Structure formats: structure tokens, C-alpha cells
Amino acid sequence: MPKMKTKAAAKKRFSMTASGRVKAGPAGKRHGMIKRSTKFIREVTGTMLLSAADAKIVKKYMPYDR
């Protein structure tokens, strides 16, 4: 059986923690920042941990990153 391929888009956007959780950057900071509040911009900086349901999907895209 051939090796499974990692989705290139997923490995660029997500990373795994040592405990197996999935880290990602929050959505909503690509463009249109002029109409966003300062509070919104401050809250979407950095990274966040995905929910269990979303993490399960992302882990299927990255079979060797566990």
C-alpha cells in the first residue's frame, strides 16, 4: 500500500503541540482591518487551539505529524 500524503495546505496553516492538540491562527486578519475594532484586532493576534471536532479533521490531513 502506498504512503499517505500530507495535505500541503494543512501543514502550512496548522501545527501540533506536544500533547497532540492542533494550533492555528485565528481567521479574519487578511484584509479589511480598517473597519475592524481595535479590540477585535487585539483578540485575533497570536494562535489558538482548535476544538476537538476541528482537530479531528485536521489530523486526517496530516497523518505523520502526531
PDB file of N, CA and C in Angstrom:
ATOM      1  N   MET A   1       0.845  -1.183   0.000  1.00  0.00           N
ATOM      2  CA  MET A   1       0.000   0.000   0.000  1.00  0.00           C
ATOM      3  C   MET A   1       0.894   1.250   0.000  1.00  0.00           C
ATOM      4  N   PRO A   2       0.576   2.237  -0.828  1.00  0.00           N
ATOM      5  CA  PRO A   2       1.418   3.442  -0.889  1.00  0.00           C
ATOM      6  C   PRO A   2       1.293   4.289   0.376  1.00  0.00           C
ATOM      7  N   LYS A   3       2.278   5.151   0.559  1.00  0.00           N
ATOM      8  CA  LYS A   3       2.261   6.047   1.712  1.00  0.00           C
ATOM      9  C   LYS A   3       1.138   7.067   1.561  1.00  0.00           C
ATOM     10  N   MET A   4       0.603   7.491   2.694  1.00  0.00           N
ATOM     11  CA  MET A   4      -0.407   8.549   2.678  1.00  0.00           C
ATOM     12  C   MET A   4       0.298   9.885   2.517  1.00  0.00           C
ATOM     13  N   LYS A   5      -0.325  10.807   1.817  1.00  0.00           N
ATOM     14  CA  LYS A   5       0.277  12.121   1.608  1.00  0.00           C
ATOM     15  C   LYS A   5      -0.292  13.125   2.607  1.00  0.00           C
ATOM     16  N   THR A   6       0.585  13.999   3.084  1.00  0.00           N
ATOM     17  CA  THR A   6       0.164  15.115   3.916  1.00  0.00           C
ATOM     18  C   THR A   6      -0.362  16.217   3.004  1.00  0.00           C
ATOM     19  N   LYS A   7      -1.491  16.824   3.381  1.00  0.00           N
ATOM     20  CA  LYS A   7      -2.022  17.950   2.603  1.00  0.00           C
ATOM     21  C   LYS A   7      -1.119  19.158   2.813  1.00  0.00           C
ATOM     22  N   ALA A   8      -0.569  19.689   1.731  1.00  0.00           N
ATOM     23  CA  ALA A   8       0.374  20.805   1.822  1.00  0.00           C
ATOM     24  C   ALA A   8      -0.282  22.039   2.430  1.00  0.00           C
ATOM     25  N   ALA A   9      -1.544  22.281   2.122  1.00  0.00           N
ATOM     26  CA  ALA A   9      -2.237  23.445   2.678  1.00  0.00           C
ATOM     27  C   ALA A   9      -2.374  23.325   4.191  1.00  0.00           C
ATOM     28  N   ALA A  10      -2.584  22.114   4.690  1.00  0.00           N
ATOM     29  CA  ALA A  10      -2.745  21.911   6.131  1.00  0.00           C
ATOM     30  C   ALA A  10      -1.431  22.106   6.868  1.00  0.00           C
ATOM     31  N   LYS A  11      -0.332  21.626   6.313  1.00  0.00           N
ATOM     32  CA  LYS A  11       0.943  21.765   7.031  1.00  0.00           C
ATOM     33  C   LYS A  11       1.418  23.212   7.064  1.00  0.00           C
ATOM     34  N   LYS A  12       0.927  24.048   6.136  1.00  0.00           N
ATOM     35  CA  LYS A  12       1.269  25.468   6.161  1.00  0.00           C
ATOM     36  C   LYS A  12       0.443  26.231   7.198  1.00  0.00           C
ATOM     37  N   ARG A  13      -0.756  25.747   7.509  1.00  0.00           N
ATOM     38  CA  ARG A  13      -1.677  26.503   8.353  1.00  0.00           C
ATOM     39  C   ARG A  13      -1.774  26.013   9.793  1.00  0.00           C
ATOM     40  N   PHE A  14      -1.446  24.751  10.033  1.00  0.00           N
ATOM     41  CA  PHE A  14      -1.638  24.163  11.356  1.00  0.00           C
ATOM     42  C   PHE A  14      -0.343  23.560  11.871  1.00  0.00           C
ATOM     43  N   SER A  15      -0.225  23.497  13.206  1.00  0.00           N
ATOM     44  CA  SER A  15       0.898  22.799  13.821  1.00  0.00           C
ATOM     45  C   SER A  15       0.378  22.058  15.043  1.00  0.00           C
ATOM     46  N   MET A  16       1.117  21.019  15.446  1.00  0.00           N
ATOM     47  CA  MET A  16       0.702  20.181  16.556  1.00  0.00           C
ATOM     48  C   MET A  16       1.485  20.548  17.814  1.00  0.00           C
ATOM     49  N   THR A  17       0.823  20.470  18.954  1.00  0.00           N
ATOM     50  CA  THR A  17       1.512  20.658  20.223  1.00  0.00           C
ATOM     51  C   THR A  17       2.066  19.307  20.670  1.00  0.00           C
ATOM     52  N   ALA A  18       2.870  19.314  21.715  1.00  0.00           N
ATOM     53  CA  ALA A  18       3.455  18.072  22.224  1.00  0.00           C
ATOM     54  C   ALA A  18       2.382  17.136  22.767  1.00  0.00           C
ATOM     55  N   SER A  19       1.284  17.696  23.262  1.00  0.00           N
ATOM     56  CA  SER A  19       0.210  16.867  23.810  1.00  0.00           C
ATOM     57  C   SER A  19      -0.771  16.389  22.745  1.00  0.00           C
ATOM     58  N   GLY A  20      -0.570  16.796  21.480  1.00  0.00           N
ATOM     59  CA  GLY A  20      -1.419  16.319  20.399  1.00  0.00           C
ATOM     60  C   GLY A  20      -2.546  17.252  19.998  1.00  0.00           C
ATOM     61  N   ARG A  21      -2.625  18.435  20.611  1.00  0.00           N
ATOM     62  CA  ARG A  21      -3.642  19.397  20.203  1.00  0.00           C
ATOM     63  C   ARG A  21      -3.168  20.122  18.950  1.00  0.00           C
ATOM     64  N   VAL A  22      -4.101  20.772  18.251  1.00  0.00           N
ATOM     65  CA  VAL A  22      -3.777  21.446  16.992  1.00  0.00           C
ATOM     66  C   VAL A  22      -3.832  22.953  17.194  1.00  0.00           C
ATOM     67  N   LYS A  23      -2.750  23.639  16.795  1.00  0.00           N
ATOM     68  CA  LYS A  23      -2.681  25.094  16.883  1.00  0.00           C
ATOM     69  C   LYS A  23      -2.957  25.693  15.514  1.00  0.00           C
ATOM     70  N   ALA A  24      -3.628  26.844  15.493  1.00  0.00           N
ATOM     71  CA  ALA A  24      -3.910  27.549  14.245  1.00  0.00           C
ATOM     72  C   ALA A  24      -4.024  29.037  14.530  1.00  0.00           C
ATOM     73  N   GLY A  25      -3.863  29.827  13.490  1.00  0.00           N
ATOM     74  CA  GLY A  25      -4.071  31.261  13.617  1.00  0.00           C
ATOM     75  C   GLY A  25      -5.538  31.581  13.438  1.00  0.00           C
ATOM     76  N   PRO A  26      -6.076  32.519  14.218  1.00  0.00           N
ATOM     77  CA  PRO A  26      -7.485  32.877  14.077  1.00  0.00           C
ATOM     78  C   PRO A  26      -7.791  33.486  12.703  1.00  0.00           C
ATOM     79  N   ALA A  27      -9.010  33.309  12.252  1.00  0.00           N
ATOM     80  CA  ALA A  27      -9.426  33.855  10.959  1.00  0.00           C
ATOM     81  C   ALA A  27      -9.765  35.335  11.094  1.00  0.00           C
ATOM     82  N   GLY A  28      -9.774  36.046   9.974  1.00  0.00           N
ATOM     83  CA  GLY A  28     -10.269  37.414   9.955  1.00  0.00           C
ATOM     84  C   GLY A  28      -9.222  38.493   9.970  1.00  0.00           C
ATOM     85  N   LYS A  29      -7.962  38.178   9.631  1.00  0.00           N
ATOM     86  CA  LYS A  29      -6.929  39.214   9.665  1.00  0.00           C
ATOM     87  C   LYS A  29      -6.203  39.367   8.334  1.00  0.00           C
ATOM     88  N   ARG A  30      -6.805  38.983   7.238  1.00  0.00           N
ATOM     89  CA  ARG A  30      -6.138  39.081   5.939  1.00  0.00           C
ATOM     90  C   ARG A  30      -6.284  40.467   5.321  1.00  0.00           C
ATOM     91  N   HIS A  31      -7.476  41.010   5.380  1.00  0.00           N
ATOM     92  CA  HIS A  31      -7.716  42.327   4.782  1.00  0.00           C
ATOM     93  C   HIS A  31      -8.932  42.944   5.456  1.00  0.00           C
ATOM     94  N   GLY A  32      -9.197  44.223   5.173  1.00  0.00           N
ATOM     95  CA  GLY A  32     -10.351  44.907   5.746  1.00  0.00           C
ATOM     96  C   GLY A  32     -10.172  45.299   7.200  1.00  0.00           C
ATOM     97  N   MET A  33      -8.930  45.511   7.633  1.00  0.00           N
ATOM     98  CA  MET A  33      -8.674  45.830   9.035  1.00  0.00           C
ATOM     99  C   MET A  33      -9.141  47.231   9.423  1.00  0.00           C
ATOM    100  N   ILE A  34      -9.320  48.106   8.447  1.00  0.00           N
ATOM    101  CA  ILE A  34      -9.683  49.488   8.749  1.00  0.00           C
ATOM    102  C   ILE A  34     -11.057  49.581   9.416  1.00  0.00           C
ATOM    103  N   LYS A  35     -11.955  48.664   9.073  1.00  0.00           N
ATOM    104  CA  LYS A  35     -13.290  48.713   9.663  1.00  0.00           C
ATOM    105  C   LYS A  35     -13.432  47.831  10.901  1.00  0.00           C
ATOM    106  N   ARG A  36     -12.377  47.138  11.286  1.00  0.00           N
ATOM    107  CA  ARG A  36     -12.408  46.299  12.481  1.00  0.00           C
ATOM    108  C   ARG A  36     -12.103  47.144  13.715  1.00  0.00           C
ATOM    109  N   SER A  37     -12.654  46.724  14.842  1.00  0.00           N
ATOM    110  CA  SER A  37     -12.369  47.448  16.082  1.00  0.00           C
ATOM    111  C   SER A  37     -10.980  47.066  16.587  1.00  0.00           C
ATOM    112  N   THR A  38     -10.415  47.933  17.401  1.00  0.00           N
ATOM    113  CA  THR A  38      -9.104  47.658  17.985  1.00  0.00           C
ATOM    114  C   THR A  38      -9.165  46.417  18.859  1.00  0.00           C
ATOM    115  N   LYS A  39     -10.269  46.228  19.546  1.00  0.00           N
ATOM    116  CA  LYS A  39     -10.446  45.050  20.401  1.00  0.00           C
ATOM    117  C   LYS A  39     -10.408  43.770  19.569  1.00  0.00           C
ATOM    118  N   PHE A  40     -11.079  43.768  18.425  1.00  0.00           N
ATOM    119  CA  PHE A  40     -11.090  42.592  17.558  1.00  0.00           C
ATOM    120  C   PHE A  40      -9.685  42.262  17.077  1.00  0.00           C
ATOM    121  N   ILE A  41      -8.967  43.268  16.599  1.00  0.00           N
ATOM    122  CA  ILE A  41      -7.616  43.051  16.083  1.00  0.00           C
ATOM    123  C   ILE A  41      -6.717  42.492  17.184  1.00  0.00           C
ATOM    124  N   ARG A  42      -6.853  43.012  18.384  1.00  0.00           N
ATOM    125  CA  ARG A  42      -6.039  42.542  19.508  1.00  0.00           C
ATOM    126  C   ARG A  42      -6.364  41.095  19.860  1.00  0.00           C
ATOM    127  N   GLU A  43      -7.635  40.722  19.794  1.00  0.00           N
ATOM    128  CA  GLU A  43      -8.044  39.375  20.189  1.00  0.00           C
ATOM    129  C   GLU A  43      -7.660  38.307  19.170  1.00  0.00           C
ATOM    130  N   VAL A  44      -7.497  38.669  17.902  1.00  0.00           N
ATOM    131  CA  VAL A  44      -7.177  37.661  16.891  1.00  0.00           C
ATOM    132  C   VAL A  44      -5.684  37.588  16.575  1.00  0.00           C
ATOM    133  N   THR A  45      -4.847  38.189  17.410  1.00  0.00           N
ATOM    134  CA  THR A  45      -3.411  38.032  17.224  1.00  0.00           C
ATOM    135  C   THR A  45      -2.968  36.723  17.870  1.00  0.00           C
ATOM    136  N   GLY A  46      -1.816  36.227  17.447  1.00  0.00           N
ATOM    137  CA  GLY A  46      -1.281  35.003  18.036  1.00  0.00           C
ATOM    138  C   GLY A  46      -1.936  33.761  17.470  1.00  0.00           C
ATOM    139  N   THR A  47      -1.943  32.693  18.257  1.00  0.00           N
ATOM    140  CA  THR A  47      -2.508  31.421  17.820  1.00  0.00           C
ATOM    141  C   THR A  47      -3.568  30.964  18.807  1.00  0.00           C
ATOM    142  N   MET A  48      -4.344  29.972  18.386  1.00  0.00           N
ATOM    143  CA  MET A  48      -5.374  29.405  19.251  1.00  0.00           C
ATOM    144  C   MET A  48      -5.375  27.894  19.069  1.00  0.00           C
ATOM    145  N   LEU A  49      -5.973  27.187  20.008  1.00  0.00           N
ATOM    146  CA  LEU A  49      -6.117  25.740  19.904  1.00  0.00           C
ATOM    147  C   LEU A  49      -7.480  25.432  19.295  1.00  0.00           C
ATOM    148  N   LEU A  50      -7.505  24.499  18.360  1.00  0.00           N
ATOM    149  CA  LEU A  50      -8.760  24.140  17.707  1.00  0.00           C
ATOM    150  C   LEU A  50      -9.624  23.281  18.622  1.00  0.00           C
ATOM    151  N   SER A  51     -10.911  23.291  18.363  1.00  0.00           N
ATOM    152  CA  SER A  51     -11.828  22.433  19.105  1.00  0.00           C
ATOM    153  C   SER A  51     -11.575  20.980  18.720  1.00  0.00           C
ATOM    154  N   ALA A  52     -12.091  20.064  19.507  1.00  0.00           N
ATOM    155  CA  ALA A  52     -11.863  18.638  19.265  1.00  0.00           C
ATOM    156  C   ALA A  52     -12.402  18.206  17.904  1.00  0.00           C
ATOM    157  N   ALA A  53     -13.561  18.735  17.517  1.00  0.00           N
ATOM    158  CA  ALA A  53     -14.166  18.354  16.240  1.00  0.00           C
ATOM    159  C   ALA A  53     -13.317  18.819  15.061  1.00  0.00           C
ATOM    160  N   ASP A  54     -12.817  20.063  15.127  1.00  0.00           N
ATOM    161  CA  ASP A  54     -11.982  20.579  14.049  1.00  0.00           C
ATOM    162  C   ASP A  54     -10.619  19.897  14.032  1.00  0.00           C
ATOM    163  N   ALA A  55     -10.074  19.613  15.207  1.00  0.00           N
ATOM    164  CA  ALA A  55      -8.764  18.965  15.294  1.00  0.00           C
ATOM    165  C   ALA A  55      -8.803  17.572  14.676  1.00  0.00           C
ATOM    166  N   LYS A  56      -9.903  16.874  14.846  1.00  0.00           N
ATOM    167  CA  LYS A  56     -10.040  15.530  14.283  1.00  0.00           C
ATOM    168  C   LYS A  56      -9.940  15.566  12.757  1.00  0.00           C
ATOM    169  N   ILE A  57     -10.536  16.570  12.141  1.00  0.00           N
ATOM    170  CA  ILE A  57     -10.485  16.721  10.687  1.00  0.00           C
ATOM    171  C   ILE A  57      -9.075  17.056  10.233  1.00  0.00           C
ATOM    172  N   VAL A  58      -8.423  17.984  10.939  1.00  0.00           N
ATOM    173  CA  VAL A  58      -7.079  18.419  10.556  1.00  0.00           C
ATOM    174  C   VAL A  58      -6.083  17.277  10.694  1.00  0.00           C
ATOM    175  N   LYS A  59      -6.240  16.434  11.712  1.00  0.00           N
ATOM    176  CA  LYS A  59      -5.309  15.319  11.919  1.00  0.00           C
ATOM    177  C   LYS A  59      -5.369  14.310  10.777  1.00  0.00           C
ATOM    178  N   LYS A  60      -6.509  14.214  10.106  1.00  0.00           N
ATOM    179  CA  LYS A  60      -6.610  13.326   8.947  1.00  0.00           C
ATOM    180  C   LYS A  60      -5.793  13.860   7.774  1.00  0.00           C
ATOM    181  N   TYR A  61      -5.645  15.181   7.699  1.00  0.00           N
ATOM    182  CA  TYR A  61      -4.869  15.796   6.628  1.00  0.00           C
ATOM    183  C   TYR A  61      -3.371  15.639   6.847  1.00  0.00           C
ATOM    184  N   MET A  62      -2.945  15.433   8.112  1.00  0.00           N
ATOM    185  CA  MET A  62      -1.521  15.332   8.439  1.00  0.00           C
ATOM    186  C   MET A  62      -1.263  14.008   9.162  1.00  0.00           C
ATOM    187  N   PRO A  63      -1.210  12.897   8.436  1.00  0.00           N
ATOM    188  CA  PRO A  63      -1.128  11.587   9.086  1.00  0.00           C
ATOM    189  C   PRO A  63       0.188  11.323   9.816  1.00  0.00           C
ATOM    190  N   TYR A  64       1.282  12.008   9.458  1.00  0.00           N
ATOM    191  CA  TYR A  64       2.582  11.711  10.063  1.00  0.00           C
ATOM    192  C   TYR A  64       2.995  12.736  11.097  1.00  0.00           C
ATOM    193  N   ASP A  65       2.173  13.716  11.368  1.00  0.00           N
ATOM    194  CA  ASP A  65       2.518  14.779  12.310  1.00  0.00           C
ATOM    195  C   ASP A  65       1.780  14.557  13.626  1.00  0.00           C
ATOM    196  N   ARG A  66       2.123  13.475  14.329  1.00  0.00           N
ATOM    197  CA  ARG A  66       1.429  13.159  15.584  1.00  0.00           C
ATOM    198  C   ARG A  66       2.413  12.913  16.679  1.00  0.00           C
TER     199      ARG A  66
END
